[in-house]
Amino acid sequence: MARGQRKTIEEKIAAKEELIEALATRMESEKRELEELYQEKRKKELEVVSDIITESGLEPDEVAEVLQQYLERREEAAS
């Protein structure tokens, strides 16, 4: 049984180059989507922190000071 005409090496190379280009484009698109998801996650985390600050009645600089003290104590305990 006869098969269709075989592709030349040039046609095979061109097809692979097209495939690689399509995959590279898709990778860039997926990376952009991933970055958007990271940004969305960070925004939600910051909203939670903002809500806690608001509910506590503390000023942001007071919260930063408390966190700094906590981190210093934690570092000392780990030593």
Protein backbone atom coordinates (compact mmCIF):
# COMPACT_ATOMS: atom_id res chain seq x y z
CA MET A 1 0.00 0.00 0.00
CA ALA A 2 1.43 3.33 -1.01
CA ARG A 3 1.87 6.06 1.55
CA GLY A 4 1.56 9.78 0.98
CA GLN A 5 4.55 11.78 -0.05
CA ARG A 6 7.19 11.90 2.66
CA LYS A 7 8.17 15.24 4.13
CA THR A 8 11.54 16.61 3.25
CA ILE A 9 14.04 17.34 5.99
CA GLU A 10 13.46 21.06 5.41
CA GLU A 11 9.72 20.61 5.96
CA LYS A 12 10.37 18.64 9.13
CA ILE A 13 12.72 21.36 10.40
CA ALA A 14 10.19 24.07 9.59
CA ALA A 15 7.43 22.15 11.37
CA LYS A 16 9.58 21.71 14.49
CA GLU A 17 10.53 25.40 14.47
CA GLU A 18 6.85 26.34 14.26
CA LEU A 19 6.03 23.97 17.11
CA ILE A 20 8.83 25.37 19.27
CA GLU A 21 7.71 28.94 18.57
CA ALA A 22 4.12 28.05 19.48
CA LEU A 23 5.29 26.41 22.70
CA ALA A 24 7.46 29.42 23.58
CA THR A 25 4.48 31.71 23.05
CA ARG A 26 2.36 29.49 25.27
CA MET A 27 5.06 29.43 27.96
CA GLU A 28 5.15 33.24 28.03
CA SER A 29 1.37 33.36 28.28
CA GLU A 30 1.38 30.83 31.13
CA LYS A 31 4.12 32.78 32.93
CA ARG A 32 2.03 35.96 32.68
CA GLU A 33 -0.99 34.15 34.09
CA LEU A 34 1.10 32.75 36.93
CA GLU A 35 2.42 36.22 37.77
CA GLU A 36 -1.14 37.55 37.79
CA LEU A 37 -2.13 34.78 40.20
CA TYR A 38 0.81 35.62 42.49
CA GLN A 39 -0.23 39.28 42.44
CA GLU A 40 -3.85 38.35 43.23
CA LYS A 41 -2.69 36.16 46.12
CA ARG A 42 -0.48 38.94 47.48
CA LYS A 43 -3.32 41.45 47.22
CA LYS A 44 -5.66 39.14 49.18
CA GLU A 45 -2.99 38.57 51.84
CA LEU A 46 -2.45 42.31 52.16
CA GLU A 47 -6.19 42.85 52.47
CA VAL A 48 -6.28 40.38 55.36
CA VAL A 49 -3.40 42.19 57.07
CA SER A 50 -5.07 45.55 56.44
CA ASP A 51 -8.31 44.28 57.98
CA ILE A 52 -6.43 43.07 61.06
CA ILE A 53 -4.71 46.45 61.43
CA THR A 54 -8.04 48.26 61.10
CA GLU A 55 -9.76 45.95 63.60
CA SER A 56 -6.91 46.31 66.11
CA GLY A 57 -7.15 50.08 66.14
CA LEU A 58 -3.38 50.35 65.86
CA GLU A 59 -1.60 52.61 63.44
CA PRO A 60 0.50 50.95 60.72
CA ASP A 61 3.74 52.18 62.30
CA GLU A 62 2.70 50.64 65.63
CA VAL A 63 2.00 47.33 63.91
CA ALA A 64 5.40 47.48 62.20
CA GLU A 65 7.08 48.10 65.57
CA VAL A 66 5.28 45.17 67.18
CA LEU A 67 6.25 42.90 64.29
CA GLN A 68 9.87 44.05 64.48
CA GLN A 69 9.95 43.28 68.21
CA TYR A 70 8.44 39.87 67.56
CA LEU A 71 11.02 39.08 64.89
CA GLU A 72 13.88 40.17 67.16
CA ARG A 73 12.62 37.93 70.00
CA ARG A 74 12.15 35.04 67.62
CA GLU A 75 15.69 35.48 66.29
CA GLU A 76 17.09 35.57 69.82
CA ALA A 77 15.19 32.42 70.76
CA ALA A 78 16.53 30.60 67.70
CA SER A 79 20.14 31.47 68.64
